[in-house]
C-alpha cells in the first residue's frame, strides 16, 4: 500500500513508448470510499515546465500497470490521450 505523499515523489513512465511523463504532483480521490481514482502529473517537466504551467495529465488509476519505489508505469491505449486540464 502506498501513501499519497509517497506517490507524489514517483516518476510516471509510459510502457507504450518509454516516454517520461513527469512526476506525480497530486492524486484525485473518490470522496465516498477514499480510493485514488487518478494521478495528476504536470505537463512539461524541468525548470521551464515549472515556471510556465502548460496544463497537466490526469491519468486514470485503471491505466497504472505497476508502481514501485522509484516510478509508476502506465499503459496508455492506442488513440487514448491523457486528459489535459489547464
C-alpha atoms as a PDB file:
ATOM      1  CA  UNK A   1       0.000   0.000   0.000  1.00  0.00           C
ATOM      2  CA  UNK A   2       1.211   3.494  -0.884  1.00  0.00           C
ATOM      3  CA  UNK A   3       0.578   6.704   0.967  1.00  0.00           C
ATOM      4  CA  UNK A   4      -0.306   9.761  -1.129  1.00  0.00           C
ATOM      5  CA  UNK A   5       2.928  11.509  -0.087  1.00  0.00           C
ATOM      6  CA  UNK A   6       4.956   8.573  -1.419  1.00  0.00           C
ATOM      7  CA  UNK A   7       3.100   8.718  -4.757  1.00  0.00           C
ATOM      8  CA  UNK A   8       3.977  12.414  -5.130  1.00  0.00           C
ATOM      9  CA  UNK A   9       7.671  11.544  -5.350  1.00  0.00           C
ATOM     10  CA  UNK A  10       7.341   8.989  -8.147  1.00  0.00           C
ATOM     11  CA  UNK A  11       8.165   9.470 -11.821  1.00  0.00           C
ATOM     12  CA  UNK A  12       5.497   8.367 -14.323  1.00  0.00           C
ATOM     13  CA  UNK A  13       6.630   6.483 -17.433  1.00  0.00           C
ATOM     14  CA  UNK A  14       4.519   5.170 -20.310  1.00  0.00           C
ATOM     15  CA  UNK A  15       5.159   1.491 -21.082  1.00  0.00           C
ATOM     16  CA  UNK A  16       3.936   2.016 -24.655  1.00  0.00           C
ATOM     17  CA  UNK A  17       6.825   4.210 -25.772  1.00  0.00           C
ATOM     18  CA  UNK A  18       9.029   4.578 -22.646  1.00  0.00           C
ATOM     19  CA  UNK A  19       8.170   8.296 -22.571  1.00  0.00           C
ATOM     20  CA  UNK A  20       8.735  10.116 -19.299  1.00  0.00           C
ATOM     21  CA  UNK A  21       5.508  11.943 -18.486  1.00  0.00           C
ATOM     22  CA  UNK A  22       6.822  13.645 -15.344  1.00  0.00           C
ATOM     23  CA  UNK A  23       6.411  13.330 -11.590  1.00  0.00           C
ATOM     24  CA  UNK A  24       3.145  12.858  -9.715  1.00  0.00           C
ATOM     25  CA  UNK A  25       2.054  16.215  -8.324  1.00  0.00           C
ATOM     26  CA  UNK A  26      -1.292  15.245  -6.851  1.00  0.00           C
ATOM     27  CA  UNK A  27      -3.871  12.472  -6.677  1.00  0.00           C
ATOM     28  CA  UNK A  28      -7.612  12.514  -7.319  1.00  0.00           C
ATOM     29  CA  UNK A  29      -9.547  10.788  -4.545  1.00  0.00           C
ATOM     30  CA  UNK A  30     -13.089   9.388  -4.550  1.00  0.00           C
ATOM     31  CA  UNK A  31     -14.764  11.100  -1.601  1.00  0.00           C
ATOM     32  CA  UNK A  32     -17.253   8.301  -0.923  1.00  0.00           C
ATOM     33  CA  UNK A  33     -14.761   5.482  -0.358  1.00  0.00           C
ATOM     34  CA  UNK A  34     -11.363   7.217  -0.145  1.00  0.00           C
ATOM     35  CA  UNK A  35      -9.852   5.373  -3.108  1.00  0.00           C
ATOM     36  CA  UNK A  36      -7.428   7.011  -5.537  1.00  0.00           C
ATOM     37  CA  UNK A  37      -9.086   7.457  -8.940  1.00  0.00           C
ATOM     38  CA  UNK A  38      -6.328   9.256 -10.885  1.00  0.00           C
ATOM     39  CA  UNK A  39      -2.789  10.586 -10.780  1.00  0.00           C
ATOM     40  CA  UNK A  40      -2.162  14.195 -11.717  1.00  0.00           C
ATOM     41  CA  UNK A  41       1.137  14.904 -13.482  1.00  0.00           C
ATOM     42  CA  UNK A  42       2.164  18.399 -14.613  1.00  0.00           C
ATOM     43  CA  UNK A  43       2.694  18.606 -18.371  1.00  0.00           C
ATOM     44  CA  UNK A  44       6.227  19.711 -19.181  1.00  0.00           C
ATOM     45  CA  UNK A  45       8.976  18.758 -16.802  1.00  0.00           C
ATOM     46  CA  UNK A  46      12.111  20.564 -15.803  1.00  0.00           C
ATOM     47  CA  UNK A  47      12.594  24.184 -14.818  1.00  0.00           C
ATOM     48  CA  UNK A  48      10.707  25.706 -17.755  1.00  0.00           C
ATOM     49  CA  UNK A  49       7.781  23.361 -17.200  1.00  0.00           C
ATOM     50  CA  UNK A  50       7.522  24.524 -13.603  1.00  0.00           C
ATOM     51  CA  UNK A  51       7.801  28.199 -14.457  1.00  0.00           C
ATOM     52  CA  UNK A  52       5.334  28.142 -17.355  1.00  0.00           C
ATOM     53  CA  UNK A  53       2.394  25.958 -16.380  1.00  0.00           C
ATOM     54  CA  UNK A  54       1.240  24.109 -19.519  1.00  0.00           C
ATOM     55  CA  UNK A  55      -1.575  22.038 -18.051  1.00  0.00           C
ATOM     56  CA  UNK A  56      -1.483  18.602 -16.546  1.00  0.00           C
ATOM     57  CA  UNK A  57      -2.112  14.976 -17.373  1.00  0.00           C
ATOM     58  CA  UNK A  58      -4.936  13.326 -15.431  1.00  0.00           C
ATOM     59  CA  UNK A  59      -4.128   9.627 -15.653  1.00  0.00           C
ATOM     60  CA  UNK A  60      -6.929   7.245 -14.547  1.00  0.00           C
ATOM     61  CA  UNK A  61      -5.983   4.654 -11.939  1.00  0.00           C
ATOM     62  CA  UNK A  62      -7.024   1.913 -14.414  1.00  0.00           C
ATOM     63  CA  UNK A  63      -4.049   2.854 -16.637  1.00  0.00           C
ATOM     64  CA  UNK A  64      -1.469   2.053 -13.951  1.00  0.00           C
ATOM     65  CA  UNK A  65       0.446  -1.133 -14.718  1.00  0.00           C
ATOM     66  CA  UNK A  66       2.817  -1.100 -11.745  1.00  0.00           C
ATOM     67  CA  UNK A  67       4.056   1.201  -9.015  1.00  0.00           C
ATOM     68  CA  UNK A  68       7.401   0.715  -7.354  1.00  0.00           C
ATOM     69  CA  UNK A  69       9.755   2.573  -5.043  1.00  0.00           C
ATOM     70  CA  UNK A  70      11.034   4.862  -7.793  1.00  0.00           C
ATOM     71  CA  UNK A  71       8.427   5.055 -10.557  1.00  0.00           C
ATOM     72  CA  UNK A  72       4.942   4.365 -11.821  1.00  0.00           C
ATOM     73  CA  UNK A  73       4.413   2.551 -15.115  1.00  0.00           C
ATOM     74  CA  UNK A  74       1.270   3.443 -17.051  1.00  0.00           C
ATOM     75  CA  UNK A  75      -0.232   1.910 -20.187  1.00  0.00           C
ATOM     76  CA  UNK A  76      -1.916   4.357 -22.495  1.00  0.00           C
ATOM     77  CA  UNK A  77      -4.055   2.554 -25.071  1.00  0.00           C
ATOM     78  CA  UNK A  78      -3.744   3.409 -28.774  1.00  0.00           C
ATOM     79  CA  UNK A  79      -5.690   6.530 -29.568  1.00  0.00           C
ATOM     80  CA  UNK A  80      -6.019   7.461 -25.890  1.00  0.00           C
ATOM     81  CA  UNK A  81      -4.624  10.805 -24.855  1.00  0.00           C
ATOM     82  CA  UNK A  82      -4.477  11.532 -21.125  1.00  0.00           C
ATOM     83  CA  UNK A  83      -6.903  14.280 -20.184  1.00  0.00           C
ATOM     84  CA  UNK A  84      -5.060  17.587 -20.097  1.00  0.00           C
ATOM     85  CA  UNK A  85      -6.532  20.208 -17.830  1.00  0.00           C
ATOM     86  CA  UNK A  86      -5.362  23.800 -17.964  1.00  0.00           C
END
